[in-house]
C-alpha atoms as a PDB file:
ATOM      1  CA  MET A   1      15.564 -33.475 -13.758  1.00  0.00           C
ATOM      2  CA  THR A   2      19.045 -33.436 -12.275  1.00  0.00           C
ATOM      3  CA  SER A   3      20.845 -36.684 -11.570  1.00  0.00           C
ATOM      4  CA  PRO A   4      20.178 -37.437  -7.889  1.00  0.00           C
ATOM      5  CA  PRO A   5      22.948 -37.190  -5.260  1.00  0.00           C
ATOM      6  CA  ASP A   6      23.645 -39.588  -2.425  1.00  0.00           C
ATOM      7  CA  PRO A   7      22.532 -38.823   1.123  1.00  0.00           C
ATOM      8  CA  VAL A   8      25.043 -36.827   3.167  1.00  0.00           C
ATOM      9  CA  PHE A   9      24.642 -39.384   5.947  1.00  0.00           C
ATOM     10  CA  VAL A  10      22.499 -42.337   7.016  1.00  0.00           C
ATOM     11  CA  LEU A  11      21.498 -42.843  10.652  1.00  0.00           C
ATOM     12  CA  ARG A  12      21.112 -46.424  11.858  1.00  0.00           C
ATOM     13  CA  GLY A  13      20.309 -48.109  15.150  1.00  0.00           C
ATOM     14  CA  ALA A  14      16.512 -48.387  15.016  1.00  0.00           C
ATOM     15  CA  SER A  15      15.310 -51.972  15.496  1.00  0.00           C
ATOM     16  CA  ALA A  16      12.009 -51.371  13.698  1.00  0.00           C
ATOM     17  CA  PRO A  17      10.537 -49.243  10.874  1.00  0.00           C
ATOM     18  CA  VAL A  18      11.039 -45.499  11.450  1.00  0.00           C
ATOM     19  CA  MET A  19       7.564 -43.921  11.410  1.00  0.00           C
ATOM     20  CA  SER A  20       8.260 -40.318  12.515  1.00  0.00           C
ATOM     21  CA  VAL A  21      11.222 -37.955  12.596  1.00  0.00           C
ATOM     22  CA  THR A  22      12.002 -34.384  13.732  1.00  0.00           C
ATOM     23  CA  PHE A  23      15.036 -32.134  14.171  1.00  0.00           C
ATOM     24  CA  LEU A  24      15.860 -30.815  17.670  1.00  0.00           C
ATOM     25  CA  GLU A  25      17.229 -27.393  18.585  1.00  0.00           C
ATOM     26  CA  ASN A  26      19.924 -27.092  21.221  1.00  0.00           C
ATOM     27  CA  GLU A  27      18.637 -25.356  24.361  1.00  0.00           C
ATOM     28  CA  ASP A  28      21.745 -23.203  24.728  1.00  0.00           C
ATOM     29  CA  THR A  29      22.779 -22.381  21.151  1.00  0.00           C
ATOM     30  CA  GLY A  30      19.471 -22.560  19.262  1.00  0.00           C
ATOM     31  CA  LYS A  31      21.281 -24.595  16.613  1.00  0.00           C
ATOM     32  CA  ILE A  32      20.227 -27.995  15.355  1.00  0.00           C
ATOM     33  CA  GLN A  33      22.567 -30.658  16.686  1.00  0.00           C
ATOM     34  CA  ARG A  34      20.249 -33.613  17.244  1.00  0.00           C
ATOM     35  CA  ILE A  35      17.442 -35.540  15.557  1.00  0.00           C
ATOM     36  CA  ALA A  36      14.658 -37.639  17.132  1.00  0.00           C
ATOM     37  CA  ALA A  37      12.646 -40.492  15.674  1.00  0.00           C
ATOM     38  CA  GLY A  38       9.822 -42.818  16.666  1.00  0.00           C
ATOM     39  CA  THR A  39       9.557 -46.447  15.569  1.00  0.00           C
ATOM     40  CA  GLN A  40       6.787 -48.911  14.842  1.00  0.00           C
ATOM     41  CA  GLU A  41       7.616 -50.746  18.085  1.00  0.00           C
ATOM     42  CA  GLY A  42       7.142 -47.609  20.203  1.00  0.00           C
ATOM     43  CA  GLN A  43      10.771 -46.713  20.772  1.00  0.00           C
ATOM     44  CA  VAL A  44      12.054 -43.120  20.780  1.00  0.00           C
ATOM     45  CA  LEU A  45      15.628 -42.558  19.597  1.00  0.00           C
ATOM     46  CA  ILE A  46      17.730 -39.389  19.675  1.00  0.00           C
ATOM     47  CA  TRP A  47      20.945 -39.089  17.651  1.00  0.00           C
ATOM     48  CA  ASP A  48      23.738 -36.562  18.131  1.00  0.00           C
ATOM     49  CA  LEU A  49      24.470 -35.318  14.604  1.00  0.00           C
ATOM     50  CA  LYS A  50      28.052 -34.405  15.456  1.00  0.00           C
ATOM     51  CA  THR A  51      29.013 -37.919  16.505  1.00  0.00           C
ATOM     52  CA  SER A  52      26.246 -39.670  14.497  1.00  0.00           C
ATOM     53  CA  SER A  53      25.571 -41.784  17.570  1.00  0.00           C
ATOM     54  CA  ILE A  54      22.449 -42.536  19.595  1.00  0.00           C
ATOM     55  CA  VAL A  55      22.415 -40.570  22.864  1.00  0.00           C
ATOM     56  CA  TRP A  56      18.991 -41.719  24.119  1.00  0.00           C
ATOM     57  CA  LYS A  57      16.804 -44.699  23.324  1.00  0.00           C
ATOM     58  CA  TRP A  58      13.722 -45.577  25.336  1.00  0.00           C
ATOM     59  CA  SER A  59      10.317 -47.226  25.064  1.00  0.00           C
ATOM     60  CA  GLY A  60       7.937 -44.249  24.810  1.00  0.00           C
ATOM     61  CA  HIS A  61       4.822 -46.155  23.740  1.00  0.00           C
ATOM     62  CA  PRO A  62       5.443 -49.897  24.267  1.00  0.00           C
ATOM     63  CA  GLY A  63       3.976 -51.944  21.419  1.00  0.00           C
ATOM     64  CA  SER A  64       2.440 -48.886  19.755  1.00  0.00           C
ATOM     65  CA  SER A  65       3.715 -47.308  16.545  1.00  0.00           C
ATOM     66  CA  ILE A  66       4.888 -43.701  17.088  1.00  0.00           C
ATOM     67  CA  VAL A  67       3.198 -41.961  14.164  1.00  0.00           C
ATOM     68  CA  TRP A  68       4.051 -38.369  15.190  1.00  0.00           C
ATOM     69  CA  ILE A  69       7.050 -36.779  16.887  1.00  0.00           C
ATOM     70  CA  TYR A  70       7.486 -33.034  17.286  1.00  0.00           C
ATOM     71  CA  SER A  71       9.530 -30.416  19.115  1.00  0.00           C
ATOM     72  CA  HIS A  72       8.813 -26.676  19.144  1.00  0.00           C
ATOM     73  CA  ILE A  73      10.577 -25.823  22.429  1.00  0.00           C
ATOM     74  CA  PRO A  74      14.200 -26.882  23.068  1.00  0.00           C
ATOM     75  CA  GLY A  75      14.322 -29.652  25.645  1.00  0.00           C
ATOM     76  CA  LYS A  76      10.719 -30.773  25.054  1.00  0.00           C
ATOM     77  CA  LEU A  77       9.520 -33.552  22.749  1.00  0.00           C
ATOM     78  CA  TRP A  78       5.987 -34.647  21.818  1.00  0.00           C
ATOM     79  CA  THR A  79       5.211 -38.212  20.754  1.00  0.00           C
ATOM     80  CA  GLN A  80       1.988 -39.896  19.632  1.00  0.00           C
ATOM     81  CA  GLY A  81       1.568 -43.630  19.967  1.00  0.00           C
ATOM     82  CA  ARG A  82      -1.057 -45.108  17.654  1.00  0.00           C
ATOM     83  CA  HIS A  83      -4.023 -46.489  19.680  1.00  0.00           C
ATOM     84  CA  ASP A  84      -2.229 -45.247  22.795  1.00  0.00           C
ATOM     85  CA  SER A  85      -1.799 -41.586  23.802  1.00  0.00           C
ATOM     86  CA  VAL A  86       0.095 -38.353  23.209  1.00  0.00           C
ATOM     87  CA  LYS A  87       2.991 -37.636  25.580  1.00  0.00           C
ATOM     88  CA  LEU A  88       5.164 -34.609  26.307  1.00  0.00           C
ATOM     89  CA  TRP A  89       8.726 -35.543  27.303  1.00  0.00           C
ATOM     90  CA  ASP A  90      11.395 -33.582  29.126  1.00  0.00           C
ATOM     91  CA  ILE A  91      14.460 -34.649  27.167  1.00  0.00           C
ATOM     92  CA  THR A  92      16.814 -32.649  29.387  1.00  0.00           C
ATOM     93  CA  ALA A  93      16.156 -35.185  32.152  1.00  0.00           C
ATOM     94  CA  SER A  94      18.368 -38.245  32.432  1.00  0.00           C
ATOM     95  CA  PRO A  95      16.680 -40.449  31.319  1.00  0.00           C
ATOM     96  CA  PRO A  96      13.923 -38.473  29.517  1.00  0.00           C
ATOM     97  CA  GLU A  97      10.703 -38.207  31.545  1.00  0.00           C
ATOM     98  CA  ALA A  98       7.042 -37.967  30.477  1.00  0.00           C
ATOM     99  CA  GLU A  99       5.595 -34.698  31.818  1.00  0.00           C
ATOM    100  CA  SER A 100       2.025 -34.955  30.598  1.00  0.00           C
ATOM    101  CA  GLN A 101      -0.258 -37.220  28.623  1.00  0.00           C
ATOM    102  CA  TYR A 102      -3.341 -36.791  26.425  1.00  0.00           C
ATOM    103  CA  PRO A 103      -5.713 -39.653  25.529  1.00  0.00           C
ATOM    104  CA  LEU A 104      -6.591 -40.946  22.085  1.00  0.00           C
ATOM    105  CA  VAL A 105     -10.271 -41.860  22.345  1.00  0.00           C
ATOM    106  CA  ASP A 106     -11.366 -44.820  20.195  1.00  0.00           C
ATOM    107  CA  TYR A 107      -9.369 -43.700  17.148  1.00  0.00           C
ATOM    108  CA  LEU A 108      -7.815 -46.602  15.247  1.00  0.00           C
ATOM    109  CA  GLY A 109      -6.409 -44.823  12.175  1.00  0.00           C
ATOM    110  CA  PHE A 110      -3.018 -43.396  11.279  1.00  0.00           C
ATOM    111  CA  SER A 111      -3.689 -39.642  11.519  1.00  0.00           C
ATOM    112  CA  GLN A 112      -0.946 -37.683  13.195  1.00  0.00           C
ATOM    113  CA  CYS A 113      -1.502 -34.970  15.765  1.00  0.00           C
ATOM    114  CA  SER A 114      -0.741 -31.352  14.901  1.00  0.00           C
ATOM    115  CA  MET A 115       0.374 -28.467  17.090  1.00  0.00           C
ATOM    116  CA  THR A 116       0.291 -24.698  16.656  1.00  0.00           C
ATOM    117  CA  CYS A 117       1.636 -21.901  18.843  1.00  0.00           C
ATOM    118  CA  LEU A 118      -0.561 -18.896  19.612  1.00  0.00           C
ATOM    119  CA  VAL A 119       0.555 -15.286  20.048  1.00  0.00           C
ATOM    120  CA  ASN A 120      -0.009 -15.426  23.817  1.00  0.00           C
ATOM    121  CA  GLY A 121       2.454 -18.298  24.189  1.00  0.00           C
ATOM    122  CA  ASN A 122      -0.177 -21.012  24.500  1.00  0.00           C
ATOM    123  CA  SER A 123      -0.212 -24.001  22.186  1.00  0.00           C
ATOM    124  CA  LEU A 124      -3.158 -25.815  20.659  1.00  0.00           C
ATOM    125  CA  LEU A 125      -2.927 -29.556  20.096  1.00  0.00           C
ATOM    126  CA  ALA A 126      -5.213 -31.260  17.567  1.00  0.00           C
ATOM    127  CA  VAL A 127      -5.629 -34.948  18.427  1.00  0.00           C
ATOM    128  CA  PRO A 128      -7.467 -37.518  16.252  1.00  0.00           C
ATOM    129  CA  GLY A 129     -10.655 -38.874  17.853  1.00  0.00           C
ATOM    130  CA  PRO A 130     -13.119 -39.414  19.386  1.00  0.00           C
ATOM    131  CA  SER A 131     -14.114 -42.298  17.104  1.00  0.00           C
ATOM    132  CA  GLN A 132     -12.818 -42.570  13.549  1.00  0.00           C
ATOM    133  CA  LEU A 133     -14.080 -39.127  12.507  1.00  0.00           C
ATOM    134  CA  GLY A 134     -13.477 -36.604  15.249  1.00  0.00           C
ATOM    135  CA  VAL A 135     -10.654 -34.182  16.025  1.00  0.00           C
ATOM    136  CA  THR A 136     -10.214 -32.961  19.606  1.00  0.00           C
ATOM    137  CA  VAL A 137      -8.567 -29.596  20.334  1.00  0.00           C
ATOM    138  CA  TRP A 138      -6.585 -29.200  23.576  1.00  0.00           C
ATOM    139  CA  ASP A 139      -5.016 -26.156  25.229  1.00  0.00           C
ATOM    140  CA  THR A 140      -1.635 -27.586  26.258  1.00  0.00           C
ATOM    141  CA  LYS A 141      -0.914 -24.881  28.841  1.00  0.00           C
ATOM    142  CA  THR A 142      -4.035 -25.546  30.898  1.00  0.00           C
ATOM    143  CA  LYS A 143      -4.536 -29.152  29.680  1.00  0.00           C
ATOM    144  CA  TYR A 144      -8.114 -28.127  28.949  1.00  0.00           C
ATOM    145  CA  LYS A 145     -10.096 -29.943  26.255  1.00  0.00           C
ATOM    146  CA  ILE A 146     -11.591 -27.092  24.214  1.00  0.00           C
ATOM    147  CA  CYS A 147     -13.812 -28.929  21.735  1.00  0.00           C
ATOM    148  CA  SER A 148     -14.319 -31.920  19.455  1.00  0.00           C
ATOM    149  CA  LEU A 149     -14.904 -31.409  15.738  1.00  0.00           C
ATOM    150  CA  ILE A 150     -17.217 -34.013  14.195  1.00  0.00           C
ATOM    151  CA  PRO A 151     -18.824 -33.463  10.764  1.00  0.00           C
ATOM    152  CA  GLN A 152     -22.619 -33.571  10.572  1.00  0.00           C
ATOM    153  CA  ASP A 153     -22.460 -35.924   7.587  1.00  0.00           C
ATOM    154  CA  ALA A 154     -19.870 -38.075   9.315  1.00  0.00           C
ATOM    155  CA  LYS A 155     -20.846 -41.449   7.853  1.00  0.00           C
ATOM    156  CA  SER A 156     -20.395 -40.320   4.254  1.00  0.00           C
ATOM    157  CA  ARG A 157     -16.809 -39.191   4.925  1.00  0.00           C
ATOM    158  CA  GLY A 158     -15.242 -42.406   6.105  1.00  0.00           C
ATOM    159  CA  SER A 159     -12.328 -42.143   8.517  1.00  0.00           C
ATOM    160  CA  LEU A 160     -10.307 -39.103   9.510  1.00  0.00           C
ATOM    161  CA  MET A 161      -7.027 -39.404   7.587  1.00  0.00           C
ATOM    162  CA  GLN A 162      -4.957 -36.361   8.664  1.00  0.00           C
ATOM    163  CA  VAL A 163      -5.255 -33.032  10.487  1.00  0.00           C
ATOM    164  CA  VAL A 164      -2.911 -30.006  10.308  1.00  0.00           C
ATOM    165  CA  TRP A 165      -3.139 -26.472  11.711  1.00  0.00           C
ATOM    166  CA  VAL A 166      -3.111 -23.667   9.147  1.00  0.00           C
ATOM    167  CA  ASN A 167      -2.726 -19.894   9.572  1.00  0.00           C
ATOM    168  CA  ILE A 168      -4.818 -17.925   7.082  1.00  0.00           C
ATOM    169  CA  ALA A 169      -4.835 -14.129   7.446  1.00  0.00           C
ATOM    170  CA  GLU A 170      -3.926 -14.455  11.155  1.00  0.00           C
ATOM    171  CA  HIS A 171      -6.721 -16.985  11.725  1.00  0.00           C
ATOM    172  CA  ILE A 172      -5.418 -20.329  13.022  1.00  0.00           C
ATOM    173  CA  GLN A 173      -7.717 -23.204  12.086  1.00  0.00           C
ATOM    174  CA  PRO A 174      -7.481 -26.990  11.723  1.00  0.00           C
ATOM    175  CA  LEU A 175      -7.556 -28.453   8.222  1.00  0.00           C
ATOM    176  CA  VAL A 176      -8.817 -32.025   8.081  1.00  0.00           C
ATOM    177  CA  ALA A 177      -8.597 -34.683   5.340  1.00  0.00           C
ATOM    178  CA  TYR A 178     -11.168 -37.493   5.294  1.00  0.00           C
ATOM    179  CA  GLU A 179     -11.197 -40.898   3.614  1.00  0.00           C
ATOM    180  CA  SER A 180     -13.901 -39.669   1.208  1.00  0.00           C
ATOM    181  CA  GLY A 181     -11.478 -37.107  -0.241  1.00  0.00           C
ATOM    182  CA  HIS A 182     -13.022 -34.126   1.562  1.00  0.00           C
ATOM    183  CA  ILE A 183     -10.513 -31.504   2.723  1.00  0.00           C
ATOM    184  CA  SER A 184     -12.289 -29.358   5.311  1.00  0.00           C
ATOM    185  CA  LEU A 185     -11.230 -26.149   7.036  1.00  0.00           C
ATOM    186  CA  TRP A 186     -12.791 -25.937  10.498  1.00  0.00           C
ATOM    187  CA  ASP A 187     -13.490 -22.989  12.780  1.00  0.00           C
ATOM    188  CA  TRP A 188     -12.597 -24.549  16.127  1.00  0.00           C
ATOM    189  CA  SER A 189     -14.089 -21.632  18.078  1.00  0.00           C
ATOM    190  CA  ASN A 190     -17.644 -22.500  16.994  1.00  0.00           C
ATOM    191  CA  THR A 191     -17.109 -26.101  15.765  1.00  0.00           C
ATOM    192  CA  SER A 192     -18.271 -25.444  12.210  1.00  0.00           C
ATOM    193  CA  VAL A 193     -16.802 -26.059   8.755  1.00  0.00           C
ATOM    194  CA  ILE A 194     -15.684 -22.799   7.105  1.00  0.00           C
ATOM    195  CA  SER A 195     -15.007 -24.203   3.646  1.00  0.00           C
ATOM    196  CA  GLU A 196     -13.999 -27.429   1.934  1.00  0.00           C
ATOM    197  CA  THR A 197     -13.083 -29.068  -1.320  1.00  0.00           C
ATOM    198  CA  CYS A 198     -12.841 -32.678  -2.437  1.00  0.00           C
ATOM    199  CA  VAL A 199     -10.120 -34.673  -4.198  1.00  0.00           C
ATOM    200  CA  ASN A 200     -11.041 -37.777  -6.154  1.00  0.00           C
ATOM    201  CA  ASP A 201      -8.886 -40.196  -4.195  1.00  0.00           C
ATOM    202  CA  ASN A 202      -8.161 -41.452  -0.689  1.00  0.00           C
ATOM    203  CA  PRO A 203      -5.853 -38.979   1.136  1.00  0.00           C
ATOM    204  CA  ILE A 204      -2.973 -40.573   3.019  1.00  0.00           C
ATOM    205  CA  CYS A 205      -0.918 -37.520   4.014  1.00  0.00           C
ATOM    206  CA  LEU A 206      -1.577 -33.781   4.240  1.00  0.00           C
ATOM    207  CA  SER A 207       0.714 -30.787   4.697  1.00  0.00           C
ATOM    208  CA  PHE A 208       0.386 -27.006   4.457  1.00  0.00           C
ATOM    209  CA  HIS A 209       2.899 -24.155   4.123  1.00  0.00           C
ATOM    210  CA  ASN A 210       1.558 -21.016   5.809  1.00  0.00           C
ATOM    211  CA  ASP A 211       3.708 -18.449   3.992  1.00  0.00           C
ATOM    212  CA  SER A 212       2.726 -19.595   0.507  1.00  0.00           C
ATOM    213  CA  GLN A 213      -0.791 -20.662   1.629  1.00  0.00           C
ATOM    214  CA  THR A 214      -0.262 -23.850  -0.365  1.00  0.00           C
ATOM    215  CA  GLY A 215      -0.842 -27.446   0.669  1.00  0.00           C
ATOM    216  CA  ILE A 216      -0.140 -30.969  -0.546  1.00  0.00           C
ATOM    217  CA  VAL A 217      -2.336 -34.071  -0.436  1.00  0.00           C
ATOM    218  CA  GLY A 218      -0.671 -37.428  -1.040  1.00  0.00           C
ATOM    219  CA  THR A 219      -2.946 -40.368  -1.839  1.00  0.00           C
ATOM    220  CA  ALA A 220      -2.997 -44.147  -2.117  1.00  0.00           C
ATOM    221  CA  SER A 221      -2.820 -43.892  -5.922  1.00  0.00           C
ATOM    222  CA  GLU A 222      -0.473 -42.151  -8.378  1.00  0.00           C
ATOM    223  CA  LYS A 223      -2.297 -38.857  -7.785  1.00  0.00           C
ATOM    224  CA  VAL A 224      -0.910 -35.982  -5.704  1.00  0.00           C
ATOM    225  CA  PHE A 225      -2.940 -32.787  -5.287  1.00  0.00           C
ATOM    226  CA  VAL A 226      -1.657 -29.267  -4.718  1.00  0.00           C
ATOM    227  CA  PHE A 227      -4.233 -26.873  -3.213  1.00  0.00           C
ATOM    228  CA  ARG A 228      -4.373 -23.283  -2.036  1.00  0.00           C
ATOM    229  CA  ILE A 229      -6.391 -21.425   0.599  1.00  0.00           C
ATOM    230  CA  ASP A 230      -7.073 -17.738  -0.078  1.00  0.00           C
ATOM    231  CA  THR A 231      -7.624 -14.967   2.459  1.00  0.00           C
ATOM    232  CA  ASN A 232     -11.378 -15.602   2.249  1.00  0.00           C
ATOM    233  CA  MET A 233     -10.720 -19.135   3.563  1.00  0.00           C
ATOM    234  CA  SER A 234     -11.716 -20.716   0.252  1.00  0.00           C
ATOM    235  CA  ILE A 235      -9.906 -23.957  -0.703  1.00  0.00           C
ATOM    236  CA  THR A 236      -9.052 -24.581  -4.360  1.00  0.00           C
ATOM    237  CA  VAL A 237      -7.252 -27.551  -5.918  1.00  0.00           C
ATOM    238  CA  ALA A 238      -4.602 -25.894  -8.088  1.00  0.00           C
ATOM    239  CA  LYS A 239      -2.814 -28.879  -9.610  1.00  0.00           C
ATOM    240  CA  GLU A 240      -3.018 -32.651  -9.935  1.00  0.00           C
ATOM    241  CA  ILE A 241       0.340 -34.406 -10.279  1.00  0.00           C
ATOM    242  CA  GLN A 242       0.821 -37.944 -11.534  1.00  0.00           C
ATOM    243  CA  ILE A 243       3.711 -39.935 -10.072  1.00  0.00           C
ATOM    244  CA  THR A 244       5.123 -43.179 -11.462  1.00  0.00           C
ATOM    245  CA  ASN A 245       4.129 -45.601  -8.708  1.00  0.00           C
ATOM    246  CA  PRO A 246       1.120 -45.485  -6.351  1.00  0.00           C
ATOM    247  CA  GLY A 247       1.204 -44.448  -2.710  1.00  0.00           C
ATOM    248  CA  VAL A 248       2.538 -41.368  -0.908  1.00  0.00           C
ATOM    249  CA  SER A 249       2.995 -41.830   2.829  1.00  0.00           C
ATOM    250  CA  SER A 250       4.517 -38.422   3.647  1.00  0.00           C
ATOM    251  CA  CYS A 251       4.575 -34.930   2.128  1.00  0.00           C
ATOM    252  CA  ILE A 252       6.268 -31.743   3.279  1.00  0.00           C
ATOM    253  CA  THR A 253       7.241 -28.296   1.987  1.00  0.00           C
ATOM    254  CA  ARG A 254      10.683 -26.872   2.742  1.00  0.00           C
ATOM    255  CA  PRO A 255      10.571 -23.961   5.228  1.00  0.00           C
ATOM    256  CA  ASP A 256      11.398 -21.408   2.495  1.00  0.00           C
ATOM    257  CA  GLY A 257       8.429 -22.653   0.442  1.00  0.00           C
ATOM    258  CA  LYS A 258      10.457 -23.276  -2.715  1.00  0.00           C
ATOM    259  CA  ILE A 259      10.420 -27.081  -2.782  1.00  0.00           C
ATOM    260  CA  PHE A 260       8.047 -29.797  -1.647  1.00  0.00           C
ATOM    261  CA  SER A 261       8.964 -33.435  -1.102  1.00  0.00           C
ATOM    262  CA  LEU A 262       7.007 -36.686  -1.280  1.00  0.00           C
ATOM    263  CA  GLY A 263       7.894 -39.930   0.478  1.00  0.00           C
ATOM    264  CA  GLY A 264       6.674 -42.942  -1.483  1.00  0.00           C
ATOM    265  CA  TRP A 265       5.557 -46.495  -0.900  1.00  0.00           C
ATOM    266  CA  ASP A 266       8.054 -47.319  -3.671  1.00  0.00           C
ATOM    267  CA  SER A 267      10.960 -46.230  -1.375  1.00  0.00           C
ATOM    268  CA  ARG A 268      11.660 -43.066  -3.385  1.00  0.00           C
ATOM    269  CA  ILE A 269      11.717 -39.395  -2.357  1.00  0.00           C
ATOM    270  CA  ARG A 270      10.393 -37.040  -5.042  1.00  0.00           C
ATOM    271  CA  LEU A 271      11.263 -33.334  -5.043  1.00  0.00           C
ATOM    272  CA  TYR A 272       9.220 -30.668  -6.847  1.00  0.00           C
ATOM    273  CA  ALA A 273       9.538 -26.932  -7.383  1.00  0.00           C
ATOM    274  CA  SER A 274       6.581 -25.518  -5.452  1.00  0.00           C
ATOM    275  CA  LYS A 275       5.650 -22.659  -7.767  1.00  0.00           C
ATOM    276  CA  LYS A 276       5.167 -24.600 -10.992  1.00  0.00           C
ATOM    277  CA  CYS A 277       5.008 -28.124  -9.503  1.00  0.00           C
ATOM    278  CA  LYS A 278       7.947 -29.057 -11.731  1.00  0.00           C
ATOM    279  CA  PRO A 279       9.765 -32.321 -10.858  1.00  0.00           C
ATOM    280  CA  LEU A 280      13.341 -31.657  -9.719  1.00  0.00           C
ATOM    281  CA  ALA A 281      14.784 -34.974  -8.572  1.00  0.00           C
ATOM    282  CA  VAL A 282      13.990 -38.508  -7.448  1.00  0.00           C
ATOM    283  CA  LEU A 283      16.158 -39.550  -4.499  1.00  0.00           C
ATOM    284  CA  GLN A 284      16.855 -43.266  -4.222  1.00  0.00           C
ATOM    285  CA  TYR A 285      18.501 -44.832  -1.226  1.00  0.00           C
ATOM    286  CA  HIS A 286      15.936 -46.722   0.847  1.00  0.00           C
ATOM    287  CA  LYS A 287      14.880 -50.324   0.248  1.00  0.00           C
ATOM    288  CA  LYS A 288      11.366 -49.965   1.677  1.00  0.00           C
ATOM    289  CA  THR A 289       8.606 -47.334   2.118  1.00  0.00           C
ATOM    290  CA  VAL A 290       9.670 -43.807   3.039  1.00  0.00           C
ATOM    291  CA  GLU A 291       7.331 -43.388   6.024  1.00  0.00           C
ATOM    292  CA  CYS A 292       8.178 -39.853   7.181  1.00  0.00           C
ATOM    293  CA  LEU A 293       9.928 -36.653   6.142  1.00  0.00           C
ATOM    294  CA  ALA A 294      11.197 -33.607   8.036  1.00  0.00           C
ATOM    295  CA  TYR A 295      13.086 -30.463   7.041  1.00  0.00           C
ATOM    296  CA  SER A 296      15.408 -28.590   9.361  1.00  0.00           C
ATOM    297  CA  LYS A 297      14.373 -24.965   9.916  1.00  0.00           C
ATOM    298  CA  CYS A 298      17.976 -23.784   9.565  1.00  0.00           C
ATOM    299  CA  ASP A 299      21.500 -25.030   8.937  1.00  0.00           C
ATOM    300  CA  VAL A 300      22.424 -28.298  10.618  1.00  0.00           C
ATOM    301  CA  GLU A 301      25.906 -28.299  12.097  1.00  0.00           C
ATOM    302  CA  HIS A 302      28.227 -30.756  10.317  1.00  0.00           C
ATOM    303  CA  TYR A 303      25.948 -31.168   7.273  1.00  0.00           C
ATOM    304  CA  GLY A 304      26.394 -27.891   5.417  1.00  0.00           C
ATOM    305  CA  PHE A 305      24.351 -24.849   4.504  1.00  0.00           C
ATOM    306  CA  GLY A 306      20.547 -24.725   4.183  1.00  0.00           C
ATOM    307  CA  SER A 307      17.598 -26.921   5.132  1.00  0.00           C
ATOM    308  CA  ILE A 308      18.490 -30.589   5.529  1.00  0.00           C
ATOM    309  CA  LEU A 309      15.873 -33.195   4.581  1.00  0.00           C
ATOM    310  CA  ALA A 310      15.495 -36.252   6.827  1.00  0.00           C
ATOM    311  CA  ALA A 311      13.654 -39.327   5.567  1.00  0.00           C
ATOM    312  CA  GLY A 312      12.687 -42.219   7.839  1.00  0.00           C
ATOM    313  CA  SER A 313      11.966 -45.597   6.289  1.00  0.00           C
ATOM    314  CA  SER A 314      10.534 -49.046   6.967  1.00  0.00           C
ATOM    315  CA  ASP A 315      14.085 -50.315   6.349  1.00  0.00           C
ATOM    316  CA  HIS A 316      14.961 -49.031   9.883  1.00  0.00           C
ATOM    317  CA  SER A 317      17.190 -46.173   8.676  1.00  0.00           C
ATOM    318  CA  ILE A 318      17.041 -42.361   8.333  1.00  0.00           C
ATOM    319  CA  SER A 319      18.694 -40.723   5.340  1.00  0.00           C
ATOM    320  CA  LEU A 320      19.860 -37.093   5.469  1.00  0.00           C
ATOM    321  CA  TRP A 321      19.973 -35.011   2.271  1.00  0.00           C
ATOM    322  CA  ASN A 322      21.441 -31.615   1.433  1.00  0.00           C
ATOM    323  CA  ILE A 323      20.034 -30.738  -1.991  1.00  0.00           C
ATOM    324  CA  PHE A 324      19.063 -27.563  -3.889  1.00  0.00           C
ATOM    325  CA  ASN A 325      20.339 -25.331  -1.092  1.00  0.00           C
ATOM    326  CA  SER A 326      22.693 -23.166  -3.173  1.00  0.00           C
END
């Protein structure tokens, strides 16, 4: 492995652990000039990356940890408060305003929401709940609740741990990880499980890269699983990786599919080559758990060429890294 670099910058100003982070595109230029984060206390912060200063800070979910933050349209920002609700914000307003809200029904876990955009311009939002096991699918254009996905053998699966949308051969489906280790691909149109596999540990985080059809499962132990979904919708565990210390709270693949990153309970960020799952670097800056990771989809002004990695931590800071972009 290469000797690790330092972060290109560290963003401060959060008064609580940073639980979620996302890059924001500028409405006029389409370039990335800002970054948003959600904290354990329910605050939303937006930094200008040119000045490295906070431009907005507000209480989005008072007293509720913001476990998911996401933007797919310039000027709009989604936030999910644990035990609270999902909100869509207009961040062009001064101050930012909540446009719409979706309930979290009796779900007490840490699963994040997931959103996917359809060809017709609509978006589907997967929300954890009802109860500890369900996933509810919403049409965000009509605000219509389409269905709830609850496994028939629900009790044997434990809690819902994570849900992400995947696109397999032009079929967009939710992929769900359960406490039991089951990783299940659902057909939301008829509320049935298409296929599934099982990992022999408790999943904590789940991610999937549509172009490579490869996903990552981080667990509470030293085990990390790499899996693939083929065009027949079959899920196969391709590789089991052992890391030094237990606990992966966040996992993500870079937009080009070449590298995946793991955020650890041990405060480290581990980078791997996606194809052969070869370790590339261990990034050390934070003093506490790396709670969340995000990659920029393109160059970030002022921070150089390529995808920039942002890591939010329980130490109240966000580190920015430009690595392996040459």
